[in-house]
N, C-alpha and C. Protein backbone atom coordinates (compact mmCIF):
# COMPACT_ATOMS: atom_id res chain seq x y z
N MET A 1 -12.83 -4.38 14.41
CA MET A 1 -11.38 -4.54 14.32
C MET A 1 -10.91 -4.46 12.87
N GLN A 2 -11.69 -5.03 11.94
CA GLN A 2 -11.31 -5.02 10.53
C GLN A 2 -11.16 -3.58 10.00
N ASN A 3 -12.09 -2.68 10.37
CA ASN A 3 -12.00 -1.29 9.93
C ASN A 3 -10.76 -0.60 10.47
N LYS A 4 -10.39 -0.93 11.70
CA LYS A 4 -9.19 -0.33 12.31
C LYS A 4 -7.94 -0.79 11.56
N LEU A 5 -7.89 -2.06 11.21
CA LEU A 5 -6.75 -2.59 10.46
C LEU A 5 -6.68 -1.96 9.07
N ALA A 6 -7.84 -1.81 8.43
CA ALA A 6 -7.89 -1.19 7.10
C ALA A 6 -7.42 0.25 7.18
N HIS A 7 -7.86 0.97 8.20
CA HIS A 7 -7.48 2.37 8.36
C HIS A 7 -5.96 2.49 8.58
N THR A 8 -5.40 1.60 9.38
CA THR A 8 -3.96 1.60 9.62
C THR A 8 -3.21 1.28 8.32
N SER A 9 -3.74 0.36 7.54
CA SER A 9 -3.13 0.01 6.25
C SER A 9 -3.14 1.20 5.30
N GLU A 10 -4.23 1.96 5.30
CA GLU A 10 -4.33 3.17 4.48
C GLU A 10 -3.19 4.12 4.80
N HIS A 11 -3.01 4.37 6.09
CA HIS A 11 -1.97 5.30 6.51
C HIS A 11 -0.58 4.79 6.13
N ALA A 12 -0.36 3.51 6.28
CA ALA A 12 0.93 2.93 5.92
C ALA A 12 1.18 3.07 4.41
N PHE A 13 0.16 2.79 3.61
CA PHE A 13 0.29 2.89 2.15
C PHE A 13 0.56 4.32 1.72
N ILE A 14 -0.26 5.26 2.20
CA ILE A 14 -0.08 6.67 1.82
C ILE A 14 1.26 7.19 2.33
N GLY A 15 1.64 6.81 3.54
CA GLY A 15 2.95 7.23 4.08
C GLY A 15 4.09 6.76 3.21
N SER A 16 4.03 5.51 2.76
CA SER A 16 5.07 4.96 1.88
C SER A 16 5.09 5.66 0.53
N LEU A 17 3.90 5.91 -0.02
CA LEU A 17 3.80 6.59 -1.31
C LEU A 17 4.36 8.02 -1.21
N GLN A 18 4.03 8.71 -0.13
CA GLN A 18 4.54 10.07 0.07
C GLN A 18 6.06 10.06 0.19
N LYS A 19 6.59 9.09 0.88
CA LYS A 19 8.04 8.99 1.05
C LYS A 19 8.72 8.75 -0.30
N LEU A 20 8.15 7.86 -1.11
CA LEU A 20 8.71 7.59 -2.44
C LEU A 20 8.65 8.83 -3.35
N MET A 21 7.55 9.57 -3.24
CA MET A 21 7.36 10.74 -4.10
C MET A 21 8.03 11.99 -3.54
N GLY A 22 8.37 11.97 -2.27
CA GLY A 22 9.01 13.11 -1.64
C GLY A 22 8.10 14.31 -1.46
N LYS A 23 6.81 14.05 -1.28
CA LYS A 23 5.85 15.14 -1.07
C LYS A 23 4.64 14.65 -0.31
N THR A 24 3.91 15.60 0.27
CA THR A 24 2.67 15.31 0.96
C THR A 24 1.53 15.24 -0.05
N LEU A 25 0.73 14.20 0.03
CA LEU A 25 -0.39 14.00 -0.89
C LEU A 25 -1.71 14.37 -0.21
N ASN A 26 -2.64 14.88 -0.99
CA ASN A 26 -3.98 15.19 -0.49
C ASN A 26 -4.92 14.05 -0.84
N VAL A 27 -5.26 13.26 0.15
CA VAL A 27 -6.15 12.11 -0.04
C VAL A 27 -7.59 12.60 -0.03
N ARG A 28 -8.35 12.23 -1.06
CA ARG A 28 -9.74 12.64 -1.19
C ARG A 28 -10.71 11.57 -0.76
N LYS A 29 -10.38 10.32 -1.02
CA LYS A 29 -11.33 9.24 -0.74
C LYS A 29 -10.58 7.92 -0.67
N VAL A 30 -11.04 7.05 0.20
CA VAL A 30 -10.49 5.70 0.31
C VAL A 30 -11.66 4.74 0.31
N GLU A 31 -11.60 3.72 -0.52
CA GLU A 31 -12.64 2.69 -0.56
C GLU A 31 -12.01 1.33 -0.31
N HIS A 32 -12.64 0.57 0.54
CA HIS A 32 -12.20 -0.80 0.80
C HIS A 32 -13.24 -1.73 0.22
N ARG A 33 -12.79 -2.61 -0.67
CA ARG A 33 -13.70 -3.57 -1.29
C ARG A 33 -13.20 -4.97 -1.02
N ASP A 34 -14.00 -5.94 -1.32
CA ASP A 34 -13.61 -7.33 -1.06
C ASP A 34 -12.38 -7.74 -1.87
N TYR A 35 -12.26 -7.25 -3.08
CA TYR A 35 -11.20 -7.71 -3.97
C TYR A 35 -10.04 -6.73 -4.12
N ASP A 36 -10.20 -5.48 -3.69
CA ASP A 36 -9.10 -4.51 -3.75
C ASP A 36 -9.45 -3.26 -2.95
N ASN A 37 -8.55 -2.31 -2.95
CA ASN A 37 -8.77 -1.03 -2.28
C ASN A 37 -8.46 0.08 -3.27
N LEU A 38 -9.06 1.24 -3.05
CA LEU A 38 -8.90 2.36 -3.95
C LEU A 38 -8.60 3.61 -3.13
N VAL A 39 -7.55 4.35 -3.53
CA VAL A 39 -7.23 5.62 -2.89
C VAL A 39 -7.23 6.68 -3.97
N LEU A 40 -8.02 7.74 -3.77
CA LEU A 40 -8.06 8.85 -4.71
C LEU A 40 -7.31 10.03 -4.11
N ILE A 41 -6.37 10.57 -4.88
CA ILE A 41 -5.62 11.74 -4.46
C ILE A 41 -5.80 12.83 -5.51
N THR A 42 -5.54 14.07 -5.15
CA THR A 42 -5.74 15.15 -6.10
C THR A 42 -4.71 15.09 -7.22
N ALA A 43 -5.13 15.44 -8.42
CA ALA A 43 -4.28 15.33 -9.60
C ALA A 43 -3.06 16.24 -9.52
N LYS A 44 -3.17 17.39 -8.85
CA LYS A 44 -2.04 18.30 -8.78
C LYS A 44 -0.86 17.69 -8.03
N ASP A 45 -1.09 16.62 -7.30
CA ASP A 45 -0.03 15.95 -6.55
C ASP A 45 0.79 14.99 -7.40
N ILE A 46 0.33 14.72 -8.61
CA ILE A 46 0.97 13.73 -9.46
C ILE A 46 1.59 14.39 -10.69
N GLU A 47 2.84 14.08 -10.93
CA GLU A 47 3.48 14.52 -12.17
C GLU A 47 3.48 13.34 -13.12
N VAL A 48 3.00 13.56 -14.31
CA VAL A 48 2.93 12.49 -15.30
C VAL A 48 3.88 12.82 -16.43
N GLU A 49 4.76 11.88 -16.72
CA GLU A 49 5.66 12.07 -17.83
C GLU A 49 5.03 11.45 -19.07
N CYS A 50 4.94 12.21 -20.11
CA CYS A 50 4.32 11.75 -21.34
C CYS A 50 5.42 11.33 -22.32
N TYR A 51 5.30 10.14 -22.85
CA TYR A 51 6.26 9.66 -23.84
C TYR A 51 5.59 9.65 -25.19
N ARG A 52 6.21 10.28 -26.13
CA ARG A 52 5.71 10.24 -27.50
C ARG A 52 6.73 9.53 -28.36
N GLY A 53 6.29 8.45 -28.95
CA GLY A 53 7.17 7.68 -29.82
C GLY A 53 7.49 8.43 -31.10
N ARG A 54 8.50 7.97 -31.80
CA ARG A 54 8.85 8.61 -33.08
C ARG A 54 7.74 8.40 -34.08
N LYS A 55 7.58 9.36 -34.96
CA LYS A 55 6.58 9.24 -36.01
C LYS A 55 6.88 8.02 -36.85
N GLY A 56 5.84 7.29 -37.16
CA GLY A 56 6.00 6.09 -37.99
C GLY A 56 6.35 4.85 -37.20
N SER A 57 6.50 4.98 -35.90
CA SER A 57 6.85 3.80 -35.08
C SER A 57 5.63 3.00 -34.74
């Protein structure tokens, strides 16, 4: 039963993340551990904004 609940939680989490991002994500791996969970998605699905501070800051 625990695995079924974890699997359902995975889908809920990824579904929410996809809705927030407005795109479908490619999930590569999901790990369930005692203290946390890990979801790996492909890098092409993520846009990263880079902030560069002013010189001398």
